[in-house]
Amino acid sequence: MTARPPDELQWAAVALIVVPDPDAFLLIRRAERTGDPWSGHLALPGGRRQQEDPDLLATAIRETREEVGVVLERLNLATALEDVVPRTPVLPPVAVRPFVFHLAERPPIVPNPEVAGTAWIELDPLRNPDAREELSLDVRGQRRIFPAYRTAIGPVWGLTERILTLLLR
């Protein structure tokens, strides 16, 4: 057996859970954790594929149950979006497959310790150009500009912004 090349991607999956009346999706705030490059960020429920996961859809379903207590089923799956990878070279080499799930109503949310908070964010306001902003952040001492969506609970940027942009297209 050969060692895994350092640039080989690790796979992860997220669940973009959409509910009606009005159309909204579940957003989480990741808990602050030392060594977590996405610590404190707004994100979608999800995480890295485990050996016991038969596929990435199973990863999204398992991670959502673990992180927010929402039980998703394959029959709730609407579609999978394009895979996304971080554009920032200092982040781990991960590829994320986003899965869109439609539920008939908002389920109860029971966050685990990895989740500092949750919110349902309406989709229609994000379609307005005024919902877009540029976020200026320091990355390893260099100022970088990232596209973001403005929400009531903070900016959505990075991989989550890119996934939402795919959905809103």
Protein backbone atom coordinates (compact mmCIF):
# COMPACT_ATOMS: atom_id res chain seq x y z
CA MET A 1 0.00 0.00 0.00
CA THR A 2 1.37 3.42 -0.94
CA ALA A 3 1.02 6.58 1.10
CA ARG A 4 -1.78 8.90 0.07
CA PRO A 5 -0.48 11.91 -1.88
CA PRO A 6 -0.73 15.09 0.23
CA ASP A 7 -2.80 16.85 -2.43
CA GLU A 8 -5.44 14.08 -2.65
CA LEU A 9 -8.87 15.43 -1.84
CA GLN A 10 -10.82 14.35 1.22
CA TRP A 11 -14.54 14.14 0.46
CA ALA A 12 -17.31 15.76 2.46
CA ALA A 13 -21.01 16.37 1.94
CA VAL A 14 -23.49 18.99 3.11
CA ALA A 15 -27.28 19.14 3.25
CA LEU A 16 -29.04 22.19 1.90
CA ILE A 17 -32.46 21.68 3.52
CA VAL A 18 -35.21 23.72 1.85
CA VAL A 19 -38.67 24.19 3.38
CA PRO A 20 -41.71 26.13 2.06
CA ASP A 21 -43.89 29.00 3.30
CA PRO A 22 -41.73 30.96 2.66
CA ASP A 23 -38.94 29.05 0.92
CA ALA A 24 -36.03 28.98 3.35
CA PHE A 25 -32.96 26.87 4.10
CA LEU A 26 -31.23 25.82 7.31
CA LEU A 27 -27.98 27.55 8.17
CA ILE A 28 -25.76 26.67 11.12
CA ARG A 29 -23.07 28.60 12.95
CA ARG A 30 -20.16 26.29 13.62
CA ALA A 31 -18.92 26.23 17.20
CA GLU A 32 -15.55 27.84 17.95
CA ARG A 33 -12.95 25.05 17.99
CA THR A 34 -9.17 25.27 18.04
CA GLY A 35 -7.64 23.91 14.83
CA ASP A 36 -10.90 24.10 12.85
CA PRO A 37 -10.34 26.37 9.82
CA TRP A 38 -14.11 26.92 9.57
CA SER A 39 -14.58 27.62 13.28
CA GLY A 40 -17.44 30.08 13.92
CA HIS A 41 -18.46 30.28 10.25
CA LEU A 42 -21.99 30.15 8.93
CA ALA A 43 -22.39 26.87 7.07
CA LEU A 44 -24.68 24.07 6.01
CA PRO A 45 -24.96 20.90 8.09
CA GLY A 46 -22.46 18.34 6.91
CA GLY A 47 -18.97 16.98 7.23
CA ARG A 48 -16.37 14.54 6.05
CA ARG A 49 -17.16 11.13 4.68
CA GLN A 50 -16.51 8.31 7.13
CA GLN A 51 -15.42 4.82 6.18
CA GLU A 52 -18.83 3.40 7.13
CA ASP A 53 -20.68 5.80 4.77
CA PRO A 54 -21.60 3.89 1.59
CA ASP A 55 -21.68 7.14 -0.41
CA LEU A 56 -21.65 10.92 -0.02
CA LEU A 57 -25.44 11.09 0.22
CA ALA A 58 -25.20 8.86 3.30
CA THR A 59 -22.55 11.26 4.64
CA ALA A 60 -24.88 14.26 4.27
CA ILE A 61 -27.76 12.39 5.92
CA ARG A 62 -25.60 11.12 8.82
CA GLU A 63 -23.89 14.45 9.47
CA THR A 64 -27.21 16.34 9.44
CA ARG A 65 -28.70 13.92 11.99
CA GLU A 66 -25.59 14.21 14.18
CA GLU A 67 -25.22 18.00 13.97
CA VAL A 68 -28.83 19.23 14.13
CA GLY A 69 -30.99 16.19 14.88
CA VAL A 70 -32.84 16.35 11.55
CA VAL A 71 -33.55 12.93 10.06
CA LEU A 72 -33.34 13.16 6.28
CA GLU A 73 -34.31 10.36 3.95
CA ARG A 74 -33.22 9.64 0.39
CA LEU A 75 -36.81 10.30 -0.76
CA ASN A 76 -36.40 13.92 0.45
CA LEU A 77 -33.51 14.42 -1.98
CA ALA A 78 -34.26 16.95 -4.74
CA THR A 79 -30.83 17.07 -6.40
CA ALA A 80 -27.10 17.17 -5.95
CA LEU A 81 -25.25 20.34 -6.92
CA GLU A 82 -21.77 20.65 -8.43
CA ASP A 83 -18.87 19.68 -6.15
CA VAL A 84 -16.95 22.61 -4.65
CA VAL A 85 -13.39 22.84 -3.36
CA PRO A 86 -11.77 25.64 -1.32
CA ARG A 87 -10.02 28.32 -3.36
CA THR A 88 -7.78 29.27 -0.45
CA PRO A 89 -4.60 27.14 -0.53
CA VAL A 90 -4.18 27.23 3.28
CA LEU A 91 -7.36 25.19 3.79
CA PRO A 92 -7.38 21.38 3.93
CA PRO A 93 -7.68 19.62 0.54
CA VAL A 94 -11.39 18.83 0.76
CA ALA A 95 -14.10 18.49 -1.90
CA VAL A 96 -17.70 19.07 -0.85
CA ARG A 97 -20.75 17.60 -2.54
CA PRO A 98 -23.91 19.62 -1.75
CA PHE A 99 -27.24 17.78 -1.65
CA VAL A 100 -30.54 19.68 -1.77
CA PHE A 101 -33.36 18.21 0.30
CA HIS A 102 -36.99 19.40 0.27
CA LEU A 103 -39.04 18.95 3.44
CA ALA A 104 -42.75 19.76 3.76
CA GLU A 105 -42.21 21.76 6.96
CA ARG A 106 -39.51 22.99 9.31
CA PRO A 107 -38.37 20.11 11.50
CA PRO A 108 -37.36 20.54 15.14
CA ILE A 109 -33.65 21.38 15.45
CA VAL A 110 -31.50 19.83 18.19
CA PRO A 111 -27.93 21.09 17.72
CA ASN A 112 -24.98 19.09 19.02
CA PRO A 113 -21.88 20.75 20.56
CA GLU A 114 -20.35 21.29 17.07
CA VAL A 115 -23.14 23.78 16.33
CA ALA A 116 -23.29 27.14 18.13
CA GLY A 117 -26.62 28.17 16.56
CA THR A 118 -29.08 27.68 13.72
CA ALA A 119 -31.38 29.85 11.61
CA TRP A 120 -33.81 29.48 8.74
CA ILE A 121 -32.82 31.92 5.99
CA GLU A 122 -35.37 32.93 3.35
CA LEU A 123 -34.22 32.35 -0.22
CA ASP A 124 -36.07 35.18 -2.03
CA PRO A 125 -34.18 38.06 -0.35
CA LEU A 126 -30.87 36.45 -1.40
CA ARG A 127 -31.90 36.80 -5.06
CA ASN A 128 -31.83 40.59 -4.66
CA PRO A 129 -28.50 42.11 -5.78
CA ASP A 130 -28.51 44.15 -2.55
CA ALA A 131 -28.04 40.90 -0.63
CA ARG A 132 -24.54 40.57 -2.11
CA GLU A 133 -21.46 42.14 -0.61
CA GLU A 134 -17.70 41.86 -0.70
CA LEU A 135 -16.12 40.64 2.50
CA SER A 136 -12.56 41.70 3.25
CA LEU A 137 -10.61 39.22 5.40
CA ASP A 138 -7.01 38.61 6.40
CA VAL A 139 -5.74 35.21 5.27
CA ARG A 140 -2.23 34.52 6.54
CA GLY A 141 -1.42 38.20 6.69
CA GLN A 142 -2.80 39.02 3.25
CA ARG A 143 -5.99 41.00 2.70
CA ARG A 144 -8.42 39.02 0.48
CA ILE A 145 -11.85 39.88 -0.86
CA PHE A 146 -14.59 37.25 -0.88
CA PRO A 147 -18.12 37.44 -2.33
CA ALA A 148 -20.77 37.02 0.35
CA TYR A 149 -24.49 37.04 0.99
CA ARG A 150 -25.70 39.44 3.65
CA THR A 151 -28.08 37.78 6.15
CA ALA A 152 -29.59 38.86 9.45
CA ILE A 153 -27.18 36.56 11.30
CA GLY A 154 -24.03 37.51 9.42
CA PRO A 155 -22.26 37.09 6.09
CA VAL A 156 -22.34 33.80 4.23
CA TRP A 157 -19.13 33.41 2.29
CA GLY A 158 -16.62 30.79 1.13
CA LEU A 159 -17.84 27.34 0.19
CA THR A 160 -21.33 28.03 1.56
CA GLU A 161 -21.66 31.19 -0.57
CA ARG A 162 -20.63 29.22 -3.64
CA ILE A 163 -23.14 26.45 -2.88
CA LEU A 164 -25.95 28.99 -2.39
CA THR A 165 -25.03 30.66 -5.68
CA LEU A 166 -25.34 27.27 -7.42
CA LEU A 167 -28.77 26.77 -5.83
CA LEU A 168 -30.03 30.25 -6.69
CA ARG A 169 -29.08 29.83 -10.37
